[in-house]
Amino acid sequence: MAVGTGLPNLKGKAGDVKIYGERLFEFPGIGSLNPVDARRALVAPAERAGVRFGERAVDGILGRSQGYPCFLREWGFGVWNAAQGSVISREAVELAGIAVQRKLDDSFFGVCMGRLTPQERQYLREWRTWGLGPIGRVRLRKL
């Protein structure tokens, strides 16, 4: 009792202290890259390998990925494998589209779906029947 005397806010302050596990790791948020950096992240590695992206291909990938690094990586990998020759065209982007979307659905979105409670999954099933509305890019095919 004597130790806590004179410290009326000790209990409130103790709740603000991070536990050991929280101090070990930091999880910085990773948002979208700005358009210049997103373009560079996609184009520069290909150029080092002697491959060039056509402008329409880059625009197509940037539009689909919204500059998210994970999505850029998947689109870059997909079109690299779909491309013919040393120039990646818009046609390669279209050709790779289904495979890239499937991979994102299974890996990236699959992890998110796996964390949902049964009630949250049911809610999304119901939501899917209402139509996708303003967030039409969301894919809910594997509920």
C-alpha atoms as a PDB file:
ATOM      1  CA  MET A   1       0.000   0.000   0.000  1.00  0.00           C
ATOM      2  CA  ALA A   2       2.768   2.427   0.819  1.00  0.00           C
ATOM      3  CA  VAL A   3       4.290   2.036  -2.638  1.00  0.00           C
ATOM      4  CA  GLY A   4       1.196   3.367  -4.423  1.00  0.00           C
ATOM      5  CA  THR A   5       0.631   6.243  -1.972  1.00  0.00           C
ATOM      6  CA  GLY A   6       0.507   9.599  -3.672  1.00  0.00           C
ATOM      7  CA  LEU A   7       0.108   8.129  -7.157  1.00  0.00           C
ATOM      8  CA  PRO A   8      -3.609   8.372  -7.850  1.00  0.00           C
ATOM      9  CA  ASN A   9      -3.183   8.040 -11.605  1.00  0.00           C
ATOM     10  CA  LEU A  10      -0.901   5.000 -11.486  1.00  0.00           C
ATOM     11  CA  LYS A  11      -3.670   2.600 -12.491  1.00  0.00           C
ATOM     12  CA  GLY A  12      -4.512   4.707 -15.559  1.00  0.00           C
ATOM     13  CA  LYS A  13      -0.875   5.029 -16.559  1.00  0.00           C
ATOM     14  CA  ALA A  14      -0.248   1.295 -16.144  1.00  0.00           C
ATOM     15  CA  GLY A  15      -2.826   0.585 -18.847  1.00  0.00           C
ATOM     16  CA  ASP A  16      -0.833   2.706 -21.304  1.00  0.00           C
ATOM     17  CA  VAL A  17       2.327   0.619 -20.908  1.00  0.00           C
ATOM     18  CA  LYS A  18       2.980  -1.777 -23.780  1.00  0.00           C
ATOM     19  CA  ILE A  19       3.398  -5.421 -23.012  1.00  0.00           C
ATOM     20  CA  TYR A  20       6.683  -7.081 -23.919  1.00  0.00           C
ATOM     21  CA  GLY A  21       5.362  -8.599 -27.147  1.00  0.00           C
ATOM     22  CA  GLU A  22       4.076  -5.238 -28.385  1.00  0.00           C
ATOM     23  CA  ARG A  23       7.493  -3.675 -27.831  1.00  0.00           C
ATOM     24  CA  LEU A  24       9.270  -6.373 -29.858  1.00  0.00           C
ATOM     25  CA  PHE A  25       7.508  -5.613 -33.108  1.00  0.00           C
ATOM     26  CA  GLU A  26       6.433  -2.526 -34.919  1.00  0.00           C
ATOM     27  CA  PHE A  27       3.847  -2.765 -37.667  1.00  0.00           C
ATOM     28  CA  PRO A  28       4.021   0.365 -39.761  1.00  0.00           C
ATOM     29  CA  GLY A  29       1.153   0.904 -42.140  1.00  0.00           C
ATOM     30  CA  ILE A  30       1.950   0.535 -45.818  1.00  0.00           C
ATOM     31  CA  GLY A  31      -0.380   2.461 -48.041  1.00  0.00           C
ATOM     32  CA  SER A  32      -0.385   3.202 -51.722  1.00  0.00           C
ATOM     33  CA  LEU A  33       2.701   4.505 -53.421  1.00  0.00           C
ATOM     34  CA  ASN A  34       2.346   7.816 -55.170  1.00  0.00           C
ATOM     35  CA  PRO A  35       2.028   7.486 -58.960  1.00  0.00           C
ATOM     36  CA  VAL A  36       5.694   8.311 -59.651  1.00  0.00           C
ATOM     37  CA  ASP A  37       7.007   5.764 -57.139  1.00  0.00           C
ATOM     38  CA  ALA A  38       4.474   3.131 -58.222  1.00  0.00           C
ATOM     39  CA  ARG A  39       5.585   3.526 -61.836  1.00  0.00           C
ATOM     40  CA  ARG A  40       9.233   3.288 -60.834  1.00  0.00           C
ATOM     41  CA  ALA A  41       8.608   0.176 -58.697  1.00  0.00           C
ATOM     42  CA  LEU A  42       7.018  -1.547 -61.678  1.00  0.00           C
ATOM     43  CA  VAL A  43       9.253  -0.365 -64.511  1.00  0.00           C
ATOM     44  CA  ALA A  44      12.784  -0.152 -63.022  1.00  0.00           C
ATOM     45  CA  PRO A  45      13.301  -3.872 -62.249  1.00  0.00           C
ATOM     46  CA  ALA A  46      12.107  -4.842 -65.730  1.00  0.00           C
ATOM     47  CA  GLU A  47      14.420  -2.322 -67.356  1.00  0.00           C
ATOM     48  CA  ARG A  48      17.385  -3.767 -65.441  1.00  0.00           C
ATOM     49  CA  ALA A  49      16.481  -7.116 -67.013  1.00  0.00           C
ATOM     50  CA  GLY A  50      16.267  -5.603 -70.515  1.00  0.00           C
ATOM     51  CA  VAL A  51      12.456  -5.557 -70.669  1.00  0.00           C
ATOM     52  CA  ARG A  52      10.346  -2.475 -71.305  1.00  0.00           C
ATOM     53  CA  PHE A  53       6.768  -1.748 -70.292  1.00  0.00           C
ATOM     54  CA  GLY A  54       4.573  -0.016 -72.852  1.00  0.00           C
ATOM     55  CA  GLU A  55       2.833   3.101 -71.512  1.00  0.00           C
ATOM     56  CA  ARG A  56      -0.637   1.590 -71.881  1.00  0.00           C
ATOM     57  CA  ALA A  57       0.515  -1.491 -69.964  1.00  0.00           C
ATOM     58  CA  VAL A  58       1.860   0.627 -67.105  1.00  0.00           C
ATOM     59  CA  ASP A  59      -1.311   2.719 -67.005  1.00  0.00           C
ATOM     60  CA  GLY A  60      -3.432  -0.440 -66.927  1.00  0.00           C
ATOM     61  CA  ILE A  61      -1.479  -1.941 -64.043  1.00  0.00           C
ATOM     62  CA  LEU A  62      -1.381   1.289 -62.049  1.00  0.00           C
ATOM     63  CA  GLY A  63      -5.129   1.640 -62.447  1.00  0.00           C
ATOM     64  CA  ARG A  64      -5.789  -1.910 -61.294  1.00  0.00           C
ATOM     65  CA  SER A  65      -3.279  -1.909 -58.422  1.00  0.00           C
ATOM     66  CA  GLN A  66      -4.074   1.579 -57.104  1.00  0.00           C
ATOM     67  CA  GLY A  67      -0.361   1.797 -56.240  1.00  0.00           C
ATOM     68  CA  TYR A  68      -0.430  -0.826 -53.466  1.00  0.00           C
ATOM     69  CA  PRO A  69       3.012  -2.492 -53.383  1.00  0.00           C
ATOM     70  CA  CYS A  70       1.645  -6.016 -52.933  1.00  0.00           C
ATOM     71  CA  PHE A  71      -0.708  -5.595 -55.883  1.00  0.00           C
ATOM     72  CA  LEU A  72       2.048  -4.064 -58.033  1.00  0.00           C
ATOM     73  CA  ARG A  73       4.231  -7.083 -57.315  1.00  0.00           C
ATOM     74  CA  GLU A  74       1.493  -9.534 -58.299  1.00  0.00           C
ATOM     75  CA  TRP A  75       0.629  -7.625 -61.461  1.00  0.00           C
ATOM     76  CA  GLY A  76       4.303  -7.307 -62.392  1.00  0.00           C
ATOM     77  CA  PHE A  77       4.818 -11.045 -61.928  1.00  0.00           C
ATOM     78  CA  GLY A  78       1.661 -11.921 -63.847  1.00  0.00           C
ATOM     79  CA  VAL A  79       2.343  -9.739 -66.874  1.00  0.00           C
ATOM     80  CA  TRP A  80       5.998 -10.755 -66.939  1.00  0.00           C
ATOM     81  CA  ASN A  81       4.884 -14.355 -67.421  1.00  0.00           C
ATOM     82  CA  ALA A  82       2.172 -13.434 -69.938  1.00  0.00           C
ATOM     83  CA  ALA A  83       4.333 -11.149 -72.095  1.00  0.00           C
ATOM     84  CA  GLN A  84       5.849 -12.124 -75.403  1.00  0.00           C
ATOM     85  CA  GLY A  85       9.209 -10.580 -76.224  1.00  0.00           C
ATOM     86  CA  SER A  86      11.018  -7.694 -74.584  1.00  0.00           C
ATOM     87  CA  VAL A  87       8.108  -5.242 -74.510  1.00  0.00           C
ATOM     88  CA  ILE A  88       5.222  -5.750 -72.107  1.00  0.00           C
ATOM     89  CA  SER A  89       2.026  -4.622 -73.814  1.00  0.00           C
ATOM     90  CA  ARG A  90      -1.494  -3.769 -72.685  1.00  0.00           C
ATOM     91  CA  GLU A  91      -2.534  -7.095 -74.203  1.00  0.00           C
ATOM     92  CA  ALA A  92      -0.231  -8.890 -71.730  1.00  0.00           C
ATOM     93  CA  VAL A  93      -1.968  -7.024 -68.905  1.00  0.00           C
ATOM     94  CA  GLU A  94      -5.372  -8.163 -70.167  1.00  0.00           C
ATOM     95  CA  LEU A  95      -4.126 -11.725 -70.654  1.00  0.00           C
ATOM     96  CA  ALA A  96      -2.677 -11.871 -67.132  1.00  0.00           C
ATOM     97  CA  GLY A  97      -5.741 -10.287 -65.521  1.00  0.00           C
ATOM     98  CA  ILE A  98      -7.672 -13.423 -64.603  1.00  0.00           C
ATOM     99  CA  ALA A  99      -4.635 -15.221 -63.162  1.00  0.00           C
ATOM    100  CA  VAL A 100      -3.524 -12.171 -61.160  1.00  0.00           C
ATOM    101  CA  GLN A 101      -7.000 -11.582 -59.759  1.00  0.00           C
ATOM    102  CA  ARG A 102      -7.300 -15.249 -58.801  1.00  0.00           C
ATOM    103  CA  LYS A 103      -3.943 -15.161 -57.028  1.00  0.00           C
ATOM    104  CA  LEU A 104      -4.907 -12.010 -55.132  1.00  0.00           C
ATOM    105  CA  ASP A 105      -8.263 -13.525 -54.206  1.00  0.00           C
ATOM    106  CA  ASP A 106      -6.632 -16.698 -52.909  1.00  0.00           C
ATOM    107  CA  SER A 107      -3.664 -15.166 -51.095  1.00  0.00           C
ATOM    108  CA  PHE A 108      -4.221 -11.560 -50.099  1.00  0.00           C
ATOM    109  CA  PHE A 109      -7.996 -11.529 -49.746  1.00  0.00           C
ATOM    110  CA  GLY A 110      -8.104 -15.146 -48.595  1.00  0.00           C
ATOM    111  CA  VAL A 111      -6.100 -14.229 -45.488  1.00  0.00           C
ATOM    112  CA  CYS A 112      -8.544 -11.432 -44.703  1.00  0.00           C
ATOM    113  CA  MET A 113     -11.529 -13.721 -45.217  1.00  0.00           C
ATOM    114  CA  GLY A 114      -9.966 -16.371 -43.008  1.00  0.00           C
ATOM    115  CA  ARG A 115      -9.943 -13.964 -40.062  1.00  0.00           C
ATOM    116  CA  LEU A 116     -13.666 -13.260 -40.200  1.00  0.00           C
ATOM    117  CA  THR A 117     -16.069 -14.689 -37.675  1.00  0.00           C
ATOM    118  CA  PRO A 118     -18.967 -16.799 -38.962  1.00  0.00           C
ATOM    119  CA  GLN A 119     -21.289 -13.827 -38.374  1.00  0.00           C
ATOM    120  CA  GLU A 120     -19.049 -11.506 -40.399  1.00  0.00           C
ATOM    121  CA  ARG A 121     -18.930 -14.017 -43.245  1.00  0.00           C
ATOM    122  CA  GLN A 122     -22.731 -14.271 -43.178  1.00  0.00           C
ATOM    123  CA  TYR A 123     -22.980 -10.486 -43.287  1.00  0.00           C
ATOM    124  CA  LEU A 124     -20.730 -10.369 -46.356  1.00  0.00           C
ATOM    125  CA  ARG A 125     -22.788 -13.089 -48.047  1.00  0.00           C
ATOM    126  CA  GLU A 126     -25.879 -10.964 -47.530  1.00  0.00           C
ATOM    127  CA  TRP A 127     -24.060  -7.827 -48.609  1.00  0.00           C
ATOM    128  CA  ARG A 128     -22.972  -9.548 -51.811  1.00  0.00           C
ATOM    129  CA  THR A 129     -26.615 -10.087 -52.778  1.00  0.00           C
ATOM    130  CA  TRP A 130     -27.272  -6.327 -52.524  1.00  0.00           C
ATOM    131  CA  GLY A 131     -24.757  -5.502 -55.254  1.00  0.00           C
ATOM    132  CA  LEU A 132     -21.316  -4.035 -54.889  1.00  0.00           C
ATOM    133  CA  GLY A 133     -22.261  -0.365 -55.243  1.00  0.00           C
ATOM    134  CA  PRO A 134     -19.517   2.197 -54.731  1.00  0.00           C
ATOM    135  CA  ILE A 135     -16.838  -0.332 -53.892  1.00  0.00           C
ATOM    136  CA  GLY A 136     -17.206  -2.384 -57.024  1.00  0.00           C
ATOM    137  CA  ARG A 137     -13.564  -3.491 -56.983  1.00  0.00           C
ATOM    138  CA  VAL A 138     -14.186  -5.762 -54.023  1.00  0.00           C
ATOM    139  CA  ARG A 139     -14.421  -9.410 -54.991  1.00  0.00           C
ATOM    140  CA  LEU A 140     -16.436 -11.671 -52.725  1.00  0.00           C
ATOM    141  CA  ARG A 141     -16.588 -14.825 -54.768  1.00  0.00           C
ATOM    142  CA  LYS A 142     -15.031 -17.199 -52.217  1.00  0.00           C
ATOM    143  CA  LEU A 143     -17.181 -16.729 -49.139  1.00  0.00           C
END
